[in-house]
Protein backbone atom coordinates (compact mmCIF):
# COMPACT_ATOMS: atom_id res chain seq x y z
CA MET A 1 0.00 0.00 0.00
CA LYS A 2 1.34 3.44 -0.92
CA LYS A 3 1.76 5.96 1.86
CA PRO A 4 0.08 9.36 1.56
CA LEU A 5 2.14 12.12 0.00
CA SER A 6 2.08 14.18 3.19
CA LEU A 7 3.74 11.36 5.14
CA ALA A 8 6.38 10.91 2.45
CA LEU A 9 7.20 14.62 2.50
CA LEU A 10 8.15 14.32 6.17
CA PHE A 11 10.99 11.93 5.35
CA MET A 12 12.34 13.29 2.05
CA PRO A 13 15.21 15.71 1.79
CA LEU A 14 14.08 19.24 1.08
CA ALA A 15 15.94 22.10 -0.53
CA TRP A 16 15.53 25.59 0.86
CA ALA A 17 15.69 28.77 -1.16
CA ASN A 18 15.18 32.36 -0.14
CA LYS A 19 13.16 34.74 -2.27
CA GLN A 20 13.12 38.52 -1.98
CA VAL A 21 9.65 40.05 -2.03
CA THR A 22 9.14 43.82 -2.34
CA ILE A 23 5.84 45.28 -1.17
CA VAL A 24 4.83 48.86 -2.00
CA ILE A 25 2.88 50.46 0.88
CA LYS A 26 1.62 53.88 -0.17
CA GLN A 27 -0.11 54.48 3.18
CA MET A 28 3.19 54.17 5.14
CA THR A 29 3.61 57.78 6.29
CA CYS A 30 5.38 57.68 9.67
CA SER A 31 8.05 55.82 11.60
CA LEU A 32 5.39 53.98 13.62
CA CYS A 33 4.06 52.58 10.34
CA VAL A 34 7.52 51.21 9.55
CA ILE A 35 7.72 49.50 12.94
CA SER A 36 4.21 48.06 12.60
CA VAL A 37 4.87 46.72 9.09
CA ASN A 38 8.15 45.13 10.21
CA GLN A 39 6.50 43.47 13.21
CA ALA A 40 3.58 42.17 11.16
CA LEU A 41 5.82 40.72 8.46
CA ARG A 42 8.23 39.15 10.95
CA ALA A 43 5.29 37.41 12.63
CA THR A 44 4.39 35.79 9.30
CA GLY A 45 5.57 32.22 8.85
CA GLY A 46 8.49 31.71 6.51
CA VAL A 47 9.71 35.31 6.68
CA ILE A 48 13.42 35.40 7.50
CA LYS A 49 14.29 39.08 7.31
CA VAL A 50 12.35 42.33 6.78
CA LYS A 51 13.45 45.86 6.06
CA SER A 52 10.95 48.68 5.55
CA SER A 53 11.72 52.16 4.30
CA LEU A 54 9.65 55.24 4.92
CA LYS A 55 11.57 57.08 2.19
CA THR A 56 10.65 54.58 -0.56
CA ARG A 57 7.40 53.43 1.12
CA GLN A 58 8.41 49.84 0.52
CA ALA A 59 8.97 46.75 2.62
CA VAL A 60 11.46 44.14 1.47
CA ALA A 61 11.02 40.67 2.94
CA PHE A 62 13.17 37.60 2.48
CA VAL A 63 10.95 34.53 2.45
CA ARG A 64 12.06 30.92 2.86
CA MET A 65 10.63 28.63 0.22
CA ILE A 66 10.76 24.83 -0.05
CA LEU A 67 11.88 23.43 -3.37
CA ILE A 68 10.89 19.87 -4.16
CA THR A 69 12.22 18.39 -7.36
CA ARG A 70 11.12 15.22 -9.05
CA SER A 71 14.46 13.63 -8.17
CA CYS A 72 13.60 14.08 -4.46
CA LEU A 73 10.49 11.92 -4.73
CA PRO A 74 10.78 8.33 -3.52
CA PRO A 75 10.02 5.63 -6.14
CA SER A 76 6.66 4.86 -4.52
CA LEU A 77 5.45 8.34 -5.48
CA GLU A 78 6.60 8.24 -9.10
CA PRO A 79 3.71 8.35 -11.63
CA ALA A 80 2.41 4.90 -12.42
CA THR A 81 2.81 3.60 -15.97
CA ALA A 82 0.06 1.60 -17.65
CA THR A 83 0.90 -2.06 -18.10
CA SER A 84 -1.07 -4.75 -19.82
CA THR A 85 -1.28 -8.28 -18.45
CA THR A 86 -3.12 -9.90 -21.37
């Protein structure tokens, strides 16, 4: 019996990558806004680092992403091929 994909993902090696995300916040008008944006983004899962700028009215966040390639999948999760037994 094949195990569910979620169980298999617990035991397979995962690759991590960081992605930079820039968010434009036009309503950021004071230093308290910068602090609030930084705190809110840091409390978000997967966010590694945040830097907000009042001057540019942007927040830059570095987000951790999981990369799963086909080569990481165990053989039991490979797509089945049709076989004939006639």
